[in-house]
Amino acid sequence: MISRRNIATAIGATAAGLAASGFVSSAQAQTAAPGTETTFDRIRRTKKLRIGAVAGAAPYYNKDIATGKWGGFYIDLSKALADELEVELEITETTWGNSVLDLQSGKTDIFFGLNPTPKRALVIDFSVPVFNNAFTMITKKGLGKKTWDDFNNPDVKITVDAGSSQDQVATRLCPKAQILRFKAVDEAATAVMTGRADAQCIVMMLSLTMLKKNPALGELVVPTPVFATTSNAGFRREADKTWRDYVNTWLEFNRGLGLIRSVIIKNMESVGVTEADMPAGVQL
């Protein structure tokens, strides 16, 4: 039987290990071990579910500048999860880069929209996939390339946002191509639109949204064979897995009911993308 003392020791050891590995500072490691109360117990006690959200990340997250109201399909999913738990949803603005630190420090209880990379898996836990997000290319018009082998050419310039999953997949699948790295997705897109590059590697949800807003960016290509990443929820690493297991059960149940797909489609439509715009043969 696991005692409260054993749980506290396990959580403290995990936090110390993270600090030693350089992922968090000593102060953050101490914060990441908030006594013996588990995340699930805290949510039930406080009646609050704390999530992180990224402004300007439609259709995932979007914050209305005038009203401060949040939208996006991960906001809708979080609201549905909070309703199921019969708790209040509390939204904290963050960034993609800070979302993992927010989880580690106990600032948030869950963050939707993380790709499960090996590096992240060292410091946080992940849910089952929420949906699949295929890798696409936004190419300059008339480029005529359709496969990953076509793009894997020394004469091809591919843009990515540095350090992203797009960066990783383009580097791995197109080692012969010239990979141009930019700080932001928009900068990578501008390089293609202005003729400084041939294609931008980007996940489907973002490429569809960007092309709907600005068709002049280029043409959408889903290189074959189709490769996809998953979009998952992240959790603070703790010995008790009740919170993670509960969310996994909730996601699987609501995927079967069609809730997740309907929420995604509804929010894609809010940025002008319909189900008919989605490439044939690509599964969510």
C-alpha atoms as a PDB file:
ATOM      1  CA  MET A   1       0.000   0.000   0.000  1.00  0.00           C
ATOM      2  CA  ILE A   2       1.343   3.474  -0.906  1.00  0.00           C
ATOM      3  CA  SER A   3       1.371   5.829   2.058  1.00  0.00           C
ATOM      4  CA  ARG A   4       1.161   9.610   1.926  1.00  0.00           C
ATOM      5  CA  ARG A   5       4.826   9.717   2.980  1.00  0.00           C
ATOM      6  CA  ASN A   6       5.825   7.479   0.069  1.00  0.00           C
ATOM      7  CA  ILE A   7       3.877   9.610  -2.415  1.00  0.00           C
ATOM      8  CA  ALA A   8       5.475  12.801  -1.110  1.00  0.00           C
ATOM      9  CA  THR A   9       8.912  11.181  -1.330  1.00  0.00           C
ATOM     10  CA  ALA A  10       8.291  10.007  -4.905  1.00  0.00           C
ATOM     11  CA  ILE A  11       7.107  13.439  -6.043  1.00  0.00           C
ATOM     12  CA  GLY A  12      10.024  15.142  -4.325  1.00  0.00           C
ATOM     13  CA  ALA A  13      12.491  12.740  -5.936  1.00  0.00           C
ATOM     14  CA  THR A  14      10.992  13.413  -9.358  1.00  0.00           C
ATOM     15  CA  ALA A  15      11.285  17.169  -8.855  1.00  0.00           C
ATOM     16  CA  ALA A  16      14.888  16.833  -7.684  1.00  0.00           C
ATOM     17  CA  GLY A  17      15.702  14.733 -10.739  1.00  0.00           C
ATOM     18  CA  LEU A  18      14.245  17.364 -13.034  1.00  0.00           C
ATOM     19  CA  ALA A  19      16.326  20.074 -11.391  1.00  0.00           C
ATOM     20  CA  ALA A  20      19.463  17.968 -11.745  1.00  0.00           C
ATOM     21  CA  SER A  21      18.735  17.360 -15.425  1.00  0.00           C
ATOM     22  CA  GLY A  22      18.518  21.085 -16.089  1.00  0.00           C
ATOM     23  CA  PHE A  23      14.856  21.105 -17.127  1.00  0.00           C
ATOM     24  CA  VAL A  24      13.788  23.158 -14.094  1.00  0.00           C
ATOM     25  CA  SER A  25      15.608  25.191 -11.488  1.00  0.00           C
ATOM     26  CA  SER A  26      15.885  24.141  -7.838  1.00  0.00           C
ATOM     27  CA  ALA A  27      13.148  26.625  -6.916  1.00  0.00           C
ATOM     28  CA  GLN A  28      10.871  25.262  -9.628  1.00  0.00           C
ATOM     29  CA  ALA A  29      11.582  21.715  -8.489  1.00  0.00           C
ATOM     30  CA  GLN A  30      10.405  22.627  -4.990  1.00  0.00           C
ATOM     31  CA  THR A  31       7.249  24.192  -6.412  1.00  0.00           C
ATOM     32  CA  ALA A  32       6.601  21.046  -8.441  1.00  0.00           C
ATOM     33  CA  ALA A  33       6.141  19.056  -5.213  1.00  0.00           C
ATOM     34  CA  PRO A  34       3.184  20.803  -3.533  1.00  0.00           C
ATOM     35  CA  GLY A  35       2.800  18.487  -0.527  1.00  0.00           C
ATOM     36  CA  THR A  36       0.767  15.342  -0.717  1.00  0.00           C
ATOM     37  CA  GLU A  37      -2.351  16.649  -2.462  1.00  0.00           C
ATOM     38  CA  THR A  38      -2.710  15.224  -5.960  1.00  0.00           C
ATOM     39  CA  THR A  39      -3.853  17.279  -8.939  1.00  0.00           C
ATOM     40  CA  PHE A  40      -7.137  15.385  -9.089  1.00  0.00           C
ATOM     41  CA  ASP A  41      -7.767  15.927  -5.371  1.00  0.00           C
ATOM     42  CA  ARG A  42      -6.995  19.634  -5.671  1.00  0.00           C
ATOM     43  CA  ILE A  43      -9.432  20.048  -8.566  1.00  0.00           C
ATOM     44  CA  ARG A  44     -12.165  18.300  -6.593  1.00  0.00           C
ATOM     45  CA  ARG A  45     -11.435  20.339  -3.454  1.00  0.00           C
ATOM     46  CA  THR A  46     -11.192  23.789  -5.063  1.00  0.00           C
ATOM     47  CA  LYS A  47     -13.840  23.154  -7.725  1.00  0.00           C
ATOM     48  CA  LYS A  48     -11.515  24.744 -10.270  1.00  0.00           C
ATOM     49  CA  LEU A  49      -9.820  23.340 -13.378  1.00  0.00           C
ATOM     50  CA  ARG A  50      -6.803  25.455 -14.346  1.00  0.00           C
ATOM     51  CA  ILE A  51      -5.668  25.369 -17.959  1.00  0.00           C
ATOM     52  CA  GLY A  52      -3.110  27.254 -20.019  1.00  0.00           C
ATOM     53  CA  ALA A  53      -4.122  28.971 -23.267  1.00  0.00           C
ATOM     54  CA  VAL A  54      -2.134  30.699 -26.012  1.00  0.00           C
ATOM     55  CA  ALA A  55      -3.459  33.952 -27.483  1.00  0.00           C
ATOM     56  CA  GLY A  56      -3.510  34.212 -31.279  1.00  0.00           C
ATOM     57  CA  ALA A  57      -3.328  30.467 -31.862  1.00  0.00           C
ATOM     58  CA  ALA A  58      -6.630  29.901 -33.678  1.00  0.00           C
ATOM     59  CA  PRO A  59      -8.211  27.421 -34.181  1.00  0.00           C
ATOM     60  CA  TYR A  60      -6.591  25.899 -31.063  1.00  0.00           C
ATOM     61  CA  TYR A  61      -6.871  28.995 -28.866  1.00  0.00           C
ATOM     62  CA  ASN A  62      -7.955  32.542 -29.543  1.00  0.00           C
ATOM     63  CA  LYS A  63      -8.454  35.544 -27.263  1.00  0.00           C
ATOM     64  CA  ASP A  64     -10.724  38.406 -28.322  1.00  0.00           C
ATOM     65  CA  ILE A  65      -8.682  41.569 -27.774  1.00  0.00           C
ATOM     66  CA  ALA A  66     -11.764  43.710 -27.185  1.00  0.00           C
ATOM     67  CA  THR A  67     -13.637  41.473 -24.740  1.00  0.00           C
ATOM     68  CA  GLY A  68     -10.911  39.226 -23.365  1.00  0.00           C
ATOM     69  CA  LYS A  69     -13.107  36.224 -24.132  1.00  0.00           C
ATOM     70  CA  TRP A  70     -11.379  32.971 -25.058  1.00  0.00           C
ATOM     71  CA  GLY A  71     -12.366  30.686 -27.920  1.00  0.00           C
ATOM     72  CA  GLY A  72     -10.931  27.798 -29.914  1.00  0.00           C
ATOM     73  CA  PHE A  73     -11.507  24.057 -29.922  1.00  0.00           C
ATOM     74  CA  TYR A  74      -9.206  23.412 -26.974  1.00  0.00           C
ATOM     75  CA  ILE A  75     -11.153  25.991 -24.982  1.00  0.00           C
ATOM     76  CA  ASP A  76     -14.401  24.233 -25.917  1.00  0.00           C
ATOM     77  CA  LEU A  77     -12.950  20.850 -24.935  1.00  0.00           C
ATOM     78  CA  SER A  78     -11.700  22.271 -21.641  1.00  0.00           C
ATOM     79  CA  LYS A  79     -15.146  23.701 -20.909  1.00  0.00           C
ATOM     80  CA  ALA A  80     -16.727  20.320 -21.615  1.00  0.00           C
ATOM     81  CA  LEU A  81     -14.202  18.639 -19.304  1.00  0.00           C
ATOM     82  CA  ALA A  82     -14.872  21.189 -16.550  1.00  0.00           C
ATOM     83  CA  ASP A  83     -18.628  20.669 -16.945  1.00  0.00           C
ATOM     84  CA  GLU A  84     -18.155  16.913 -16.596  1.00  0.00           C
ATOM     85  CA  LEU A  85     -16.211  17.490 -13.382  1.00  0.00           C
ATOM     86  CA  GLU A  86     -18.746  20.089 -12.213  1.00  0.00           C
ATOM     87  CA  VAL A  87     -16.008  22.654 -11.622  1.00  0.00           C
ATOM     88  CA  GLU A  88     -15.159  26.173 -12.789  1.00  0.00           C
ATOM     89  CA  LEU A  89     -12.754  26.620 -15.701  1.00  0.00           C
ATOM     90  CA  GLU A  90      -9.859  28.968 -14.896  1.00  0.00           C
ATOM     91  CA  ILE A  91      -7.792  30.100 -17.915  1.00  0.00           C
ATOM     92  CA  THR A  92      -4.200  31.335 -17.611  1.00  0.00           C
ATOM     93  CA  GLU A  93      -2.565  32.918 -20.641  1.00  0.00           C
ATOM     94  CA  THR A  94       0.745  31.305 -21.535  1.00  0.00           C
ATOM     95  CA  THR A  95       2.928  30.530 -24.551  1.00  0.00           C
ATOM     96  CA  TRP A  96       3.759  27.272 -26.286  1.00  0.00           C
ATOM     97  CA  GLY A  97       7.283  27.578 -24.902  1.00  0.00           C
ATOM     98  CA  ASN A  98       6.181  28.146 -21.292  1.00  0.00           C
ATOM     99  CA  SER A  99       3.348  25.607 -21.219  1.00  0.00           C
ATOM    100  CA  VAL A 100       5.542  22.747 -19.987  1.00  0.00           C
ATOM    101  CA  LEU A 101       7.057  24.895 -17.212  1.00  0.00           C
ATOM    102  CA  ASP A 102       3.550  25.924 -16.124  1.00  0.00           C
ATOM    103  CA  LEU A 103       2.645  22.253 -15.713  1.00  0.00           C
ATOM    104  CA  GLN A 104       5.857  21.408 -13.886  1.00  0.00           C
ATOM    105  CA  SER A 105       5.443  24.248 -11.411  1.00  0.00           C
ATOM    106  CA  GLY A 106       1.820  23.392 -10.679  1.00  0.00           C
ATOM    107  CA  LYS A 107       0.537  26.641 -12.207  1.00  0.00           C
ATOM    108  CA  THR A 108      -1.834  24.727 -14.481  1.00  0.00           C
ATOM    109  CA  ASP A 109      -3.512  21.328 -14.213  1.00  0.00           C
ATOM    110  CA  ILE A 110      -3.551  20.475 -17.921  1.00  0.00           C
ATOM    111  CA  PHE A 111      -2.439  21.907 -21.236  1.00  0.00           C
ATOM    112  CA  PHE A 112      -4.013  20.797 -24.499  1.00  0.00           C
ATOM    113  CA  GLY A 113      -2.076  20.945 -27.753  1.00  0.00           C
ATOM    114  CA  LEU A 114       1.328  19.423 -27.021  1.00  0.00           C
ATOM    115  CA  ASN A 115       3.151  17.031 -29.312  1.00  0.00           C
ATOM    116  CA  PRO A 116       4.610  14.169 -27.243  1.00  0.00           C
ATOM    117  CA  THR A 117       8.331  14.416 -27.909  1.00  0.00           C
ATOM    118  CA  PRO A 118      10.945  12.299 -26.086  1.00  0.00           C
ATOM    119  CA  LYS A 119      12.427  15.421 -24.462  1.00  0.00           C
ATOM    120  CA  ARG A 120       9.063  16.519 -23.070  1.00  0.00           C
ATOM    121  CA  ALA A 121       8.309  12.980 -21.918  1.00  0.00           C
ATOM    122  CA  LEU A 122      11.278  13.228 -19.557  1.00  0.00           C
ATOM    123  CA  VAL A 123       9.539  15.891 -17.494  1.00  0.00           C
ATOM    124  CA  ILE A 124       5.752  15.667 -17.988  1.00  0.00           C
ATOM    125  CA  ASP A 125       3.084  13.053 -18.702  1.00  0.00           C
ATOM    126  CA  PHE A 126       0.863  12.931 -21.776  1.00  0.00           C
ATOM    127  CA  SER A 127      -2.696  11.936 -22.505  1.00  0.00           C
ATOM    128  CA  VAL A 128      -3.818   9.675 -25.308  1.00  0.00           C
ATOM    129  CA  PRO A 129      -3.981  11.547 -28.656  1.00  0.00           C
ATOM    130  CA  VAL A 130      -6.774  14.087 -28.986  1.00  0.00           C
ATOM    131  CA  PHE A 131      -6.484  14.078 -32.792  1.00  0.00           C
ATOM    132  CA  ASN A 132      -4.012  13.458 -35.613  1.00  0.00           C
ATOM    133  CA  ASN A 133      -2.427  16.420 -37.378  1.00  0.00           C
ATOM    134  CA  ALA A 134      -0.863  15.585 -40.755  1.00  0.00           C
ATOM    135  CA  PHE A 135       2.284  17.338 -41.928  1.00  0.00           C
ATOM    136  CA  THR A 136       1.722  19.421 -45.049  1.00  0.00           C
ATOM    137  CA  MET A 137       3.652  21.777 -47.293  1.00  0.00           C
ATOM    138  CA  ILE A 138       2.585  25.236 -48.397  1.00  0.00           C
ATOM    139  CA  THR A 139       4.468  25.524 -51.669  1.00  0.00           C
ATOM    140  CA  LYS A 140       4.984  28.291 -54.155  1.00  0.00           C
ATOM    141  CA  LYS A 141       2.533  27.917 -57.018  1.00  0.00           C
ATOM    142  CA  GLY A 142       3.507  25.502 -59.748  1.00  0.00           C
ATOM    143  CA  LEU A 143       6.267  23.777 -57.759  1.00  0.00           C
ATOM    144  CA  GLY A 144       4.800  20.395 -58.711  1.00  0.00           C
ATOM    145  CA  LYS A 145       6.275  18.314 -55.904  1.00  0.00           C
ATOM    146  CA  LYS A 146       4.000  15.694 -54.310  1.00  0.00           C
ATOM    147  CA  THR A 147       6.119  13.251 -52.290  1.00  0.00           C
ATOM    148  CA  TRP A 148       8.655  13.563 -49.476  1.00  0.00           C
ATOM    149  CA  ASP A 149      11.255  12.218 -51.896  1.00  0.00           C
ATOM    150  CA  ASP A 150      10.426  15.084 -54.267  1.00  0.00           C
ATOM    151  CA  PHE A 151      11.094  17.629 -51.517  1.00  0.00           C
ATOM    152  CA  ASN A 152      14.270  15.840 -50.397  1.00  0.00           C
ATOM    153  CA  ASN A 153      16.376  17.632 -52.966  1.00  0.00           C
ATOM    154  CA  PRO A 154      19.422  19.915 -52.541  1.00  0.00           C
ATOM    155  CA  ASP A 155      17.787  22.495 -54.809  1.00  0.00           C
ATOM    156  CA  VAL A 156      14.660  22.754 -52.599  1.00  0.00           C
ATOM    157  CA  LYS A 157      14.450  25.339 -49.814  1.00  0.00           C
ATOM    158  CA  ILE A 158      12.032  24.415 -47.017  1.00  0.00           C
ATOM    159  CA  THR A 159      11.104  26.836 -44.227  1.00  0.00           C
ATOM    160  CA  VAL A 160      10.153  25.843 -40.684  1.00  0.00           C
ATOM    161  CA  ASP A 161       9.661  27.532 -37.332  1.00  0.00           C
ATOM    162  CA  ALA A 162      12.787  26.586 -35.392  1.00  0.00           C
ATOM    163  CA  GLY A 163      12.506  23.810 -32.820  1.00  0.00           C
ATOM    164  CA  SER A 164       8.968  22.830 -33.768  1.00  0.00           C
ATOM    165  CA  SER A 165       7.647  19.428 -34.797  1.00  0.00           C
ATOM    166  CA  GLN A 166       7.713  20.801 -38.362  1.00  0.00           C
ATOM    167  CA  ASP A 167      11.437  21.443 -37.968  1.00  0.00           C
ATOM    168  CA  GLN A 168      12.005  17.898 -36.715  1.00  0.00           C
ATOM    169  CA  VAL A 169      10.051  16.141 -39.470  1.00  0.00           C
ATOM    170  CA  ALA A 170      11.490  18.247 -42.314  1.00  0.00           C
ATOM    171  CA  THR A 171      15.017  17.676 -41.018  1.00  0.00           C
ATOM    172  CA  ARG A 172      14.453  13.940 -40.727  1.00  0.00           C
ATOM    173  CA  LEU A 173      12.543  13.322 -43.969  1.00  0.00           C
ATOM    174  CA  CYS A 174      14.328  15.863 -46.172  1.00  0.00           C
ATOM    175  CA  PRO A 175      17.994  15.761 -45.082  1.00  0.00           C
ATOM    176  CA  LYS A 176      19.197  16.728 -48.560  1.00  0.00           C
ATOM    177  CA  ALA A 177      17.006  19.836 -48.774  1.00  0.00           C
ATOM    178  CA  GLN A 178      17.999  23.287 -47.557  1.00  0.00           C
ATOM    179  CA  ILE A 179      16.138  23.837 -44.251  1.00  0.00           C
ATOM    180  CA  LEU A 180      15.619  27.519 -43.436  1.00  0.00           C
ATOM    181  CA  ARG A 181      14.688  28.096 -39.790  1.00  0.00           C
ATOM    182  CA  PHE A 182      12.715  31.087 -38.547  1.00  0.00           C
ATOM    183  CA  LYS A 183      11.555  32.198 -35.104  1.00  0.00           C
ATOM    184  CA  ALA A 184       7.850  32.181 -36.006  1.00  0.00           C
ATOM    185  CA  VAL A 185       5.421  30.417 -38.336  1.00  0.00           C
ATOM    186  CA  ASP A 186       4.481  33.712 -40.010  1.00  0.00           C
ATOM    187  CA  GLU A 187       8.113  34.483 -40.848  1.00  0.00           C
ATOM    188  CA  ALA A 188       8.523  31.042 -42.423  1.00  0.00           C
ATOM    189  CA  ALA A 189       5.377  31.639 -44.515  1.00  0.00           C
ATOM    190  CA  THR A 190       6.557  35.065 -45.674  1.00  0.00           C
ATOM    191  CA  ALA A 191       9.786  33.557 -47.007  1.00  0.00           C
ATOM    192  CA  VAL A 192       7.760  31.300 -49.327  1.00  0.00           C
ATOM    193  CA  MET A 193       5.355  34.044 -50.389  1.00  0.00           C
ATOM    194  CA  THR A 194       8.230  36.403 -51.267  1.00  0.00           C
ATOM    195  CA  GLY A 195      10.077  33.738 -53.276  1.00  0.00           C
ATOM    196  CA  ARG A 196      12.999  33.239 -50.879  1.00  0.00           C
ATOM    197  CA  ALA A 197      11.977  29.605 -50.342  1.00  0.00           C
ATOM    198  CA  ASP A 198      10.046  26.884 -52.159  1.00  0.00           C
ATOM    199  CA  ALA A 199       7.874  25.431 -49.405  1.00  0.00           C
ATOM    200  CA  GLN A 200       6.922  25.683 -45.761  1.00  0.00           C
ATOM    201  CA  CYS A 201       6.501  22.507 -43.698  1.00  0.00           C
ATOM    202  CA  ILE A 202       3.556  22.966 -41.332  1.00  0.00           C
ATOM    203  CA  VAL A 203       0.844  20.851 -39.722  1.00  0.00           C
ATOM    204  CA  MET A 204      -2.510  20.676 -41.503  1.00  0.00           C
ATOM    205  CA  MET A 205      -4.603  22.606 -38.968  1.00  0.00           C
ATOM    206  CA  LEU A 206      -2.354  25.627 -39.325  1.00  0.00           C
ATOM    207  CA  SER A 207      -1.790  25.379 -43.082  1.00  0.00           C
ATOM    208  CA  LEU A 208      -5.526  25.257 -43.800  1.00  0.00           C
ATOM    209  CA  THR A 209      -6.137  28.266 -41.553  1.00  0.00           C
ATOM    210  CA  MET A 210      -3.293  30.294 -43.037  1.00  0.00           C
ATOM    211  CA  LEU A 211      -4.290  29.595 -46.649  1.00  0.00           C
ATOM    212  CA  LYS A 212      -7.919  30.452 -45.962  1.00  0.00           C
ATOM    213  CA  LYS A 213      -6.839  33.839 -44.583  1.00  0.00           C
ATOM    214  CA  ASN A 214      -4.324  34.456 -47.359  1.00  0.00           C
ATOM    215  CA  PRO A 215      -4.611  32.264 -50.493  1.00  0.00           C
ATOM    216  CA  ALA A 216      -1.636  34.123 -51.986  1.00  0.00           C
ATOM    217  CA  LEU A 217       0.693  32.242 -49.630  1.00  0.00           C
ATOM    218  CA  GLY A 218       0.814  29.328 -52.057  1.00  0.00           C
ATOM    219  CA  GLU A 219      -0.598  25.867 -52.676  1.00  0.00           C
ATOM    220  CA  LEU A 220      -1.385  23.134 -50.163  1.00  0.00           C
ATOM    221  CA  VAL A 221       0.375  19.793 -50.648  1.00  0.00           C
ATOM    222  CA  VAL A 222       0.083  16.731 -48.391  1.00  0.00           C
ATOM    223  CA  PRO A 223       3.325  14.903 -49.231  1.00  0.00           C
ATOM    224  CA  THR A 224       3.052  11.151 -49.569  1.00  0.00           C
ATOM    225  CA  PRO A 225       3.342   8.903 -47.754  1.00  0.00           C
ATOM    226  CA  VAL A 226       1.271  10.858 -45.223  1.00  0.00           C
ATOM    227  CA  PHE A 227       3.038  11.496 -41.917  1.00  0.00           C
ATOM    228  CA  ALA A 228       1.203  12.925 -38.937  1.00  0.00           C
ATOM    229  CA  THR A 229       1.897  13.989 -35.406  1.00  0.00           C
ATOM    230  CA  THR A 230      -0.597  13.742 -32.569  1.00  0.00           C
ATOM    231  CA  SER A 231      -1.946  16.581 -30.487  1.00  0.00           C
ATOM    232  CA  ASN A 232      -2.161  15.563 -26.832  1.00  0.00           C
ATOM    233  CA  ALA A 233      -2.745  16.997 -23.389  1.00  0.00           C
ATOM    234  CA  GLY A 234       0.158  17.428 -20.989  1.00  0.00           C
ATOM    235  CA  PHE A 235       0.127  16.936 -17.204  1.00  0.00           C
ATOM    236  CA  ARG A 236       2.486  17.609 -14.309  1.00  0.00           C
ATOM    237  CA  ARG A 237       4.518  14.496 -13.509  1.00  0.00           C
ATOM    238  CA  GLU A 238       3.284  12.998 -10.234  1.00  0.00           C
ATOM    239  CA  ALA A 239       3.218   9.553  -8.638  1.00  0.00           C
ATOM    240  CA  ASP A 240      -0.574   9.359  -8.581  1.00  0.00           C
ATOM    241  CA  LYS A 241      -1.900   8.959 -12.153  1.00  0.00           C
ATOM    242  CA  THR A 242      -5.598   9.383 -11.312  1.00  0.00           C
ATOM    243  CA  TRP A 243      -5.870  12.748 -13.080  1.00  0.00           C
ATOM    244  CA  ARG A 244      -4.158  11.544 -16.256  1.00  0.00           C
ATOM    245  CA  ASP A 245      -6.180   8.317 -16.304  1.00  0.00           C
ATOM    246  CA  TYR A 246      -9.429  10.211 -15.796  1.00  0.00           C
ATOM    247  CA  VAL A 247      -8.711  12.563 -18.729  1.00  0.00           C
ATOM    248  CA  ASN A 248      -7.749   9.607 -20.938  1.00  0.00           C
ATOM    249  CA  THR A 249     -11.048   7.888 -20.153  1.00  0.00           C
ATOM    250  CA  TRP A 250     -12.936  11.124 -20.827  1.00  0.00           C
ATOM    251  CA  LEU A 251     -11.182  11.661 -24.174  1.00  0.00           C
ATOM    252  CA  GLU A 252     -11.766   8.105 -25.380  1.00  0.00           C
ATOM    253  CA  PHE A 253     -15.425   8.230 -24.344  1.00  0.00           C
ATOM    254  CA  ASN A 254     -16.066  11.561 -26.085  1.00  0.00           C
ATOM    255  CA  ARG A 255     -14.163  10.549 -29.201  1.00  0.00           C
ATOM    256  CA  GLY A 256     -16.592   7.663 -29.521  1.00  0.00           C
ATOM    257  CA  LEU A 257     -19.525  10.062 -29.123  1.00  0.00           C
ATOM    258  CA  GLY A 258     -18.150  12.353 -31.831  1.00  0.00           C
ATOM    259  CA  LEU A 259     -17.660  15.337 -29.516  1.00  0.00           C
ATOM    260  CA  ILE A 260     -14.004  15.908 -30.350  1.00  0.00           C
ATOM    261  CA  ARG A 261     -14.535  15.860 -34.107  1.00  0.00           C
ATOM    262  CA  SER A 262     -17.567  18.169 -33.898  1.00  0.00           C
ATOM    263  CA  VAL A 263     -15.677  20.675 -31.735  1.00  0.00           C
ATOM    264  CA  ILE A 264     -12.735  20.699 -34.168  1.00  0.00           C
ATOM    265  CA  ILE A 265     -14.969  21.151 -37.228  1.00  0.00           C
ATOM    266  CA  LYS A 266     -16.981  23.931 -35.558  1.00  0.00           C
ATOM    267  CA  ASN A 267     -13.860  25.921 -34.689  1.00  0.00           C
ATOM    268  CA  MET A 268     -12.268  25.369 -38.088  1.00  0.00           C
ATOM    269  CA  GLU A 269     -15.433  26.835 -39.594  1.00  0.00           C
ATOM    270  CA  SER A 270     -15.000  29.889 -37.358  1.00  0.00           C
ATOM    271  CA  VAL A 271     -11.790  30.696 -39.251  1.00  0.00           C
ATOM    272  CA  GLY A 272     -13.389  29.949 -42.614  1.00  0.00           C
ATOM    273  CA  VAL A 273     -12.237  26.347 -43.082  1.00  0.00           C
ATOM    274  CA  THR A 274     -14.966  23.810 -43.837  1.00  0.00           C
ATOM    275  CA  GLU A 275     -14.798  20.025 -43.726  1.00  0.00           C
ATOM    276  CA  ALA A 276     -14.779  20.104 -47.529  1.00  0.00           C
ATOM    277  CA  ASP A 277     -11.480  22.032 -47.438  1.00  0.00           C
ATOM    278  CA  MET A 278      -9.711  19.181 -45.663  1.00  0.00           C
ATOM    279  CA  PRO A 279      -7.541  17.031 -47.946  1.00  0.00           C
ATOM    280  CA  ALA A 280      -9.052  13.710 -48.982  1.00  0.00           C
ATOM    281  CA  GLY A 281      -7.747  10.651 -47.176  1.00  0.00           C
ATOM    282  CA  VAL A 282      -6.391  12.576 -44.193  1.00  0.00           C
ATOM    283  CA  GLN A 283      -7.900  11.477 -40.874  1.00  0.00           C
ATOM    284  CA  LEU A 284      -8.297  13.680 -37.810  1.00  0.00           C
END
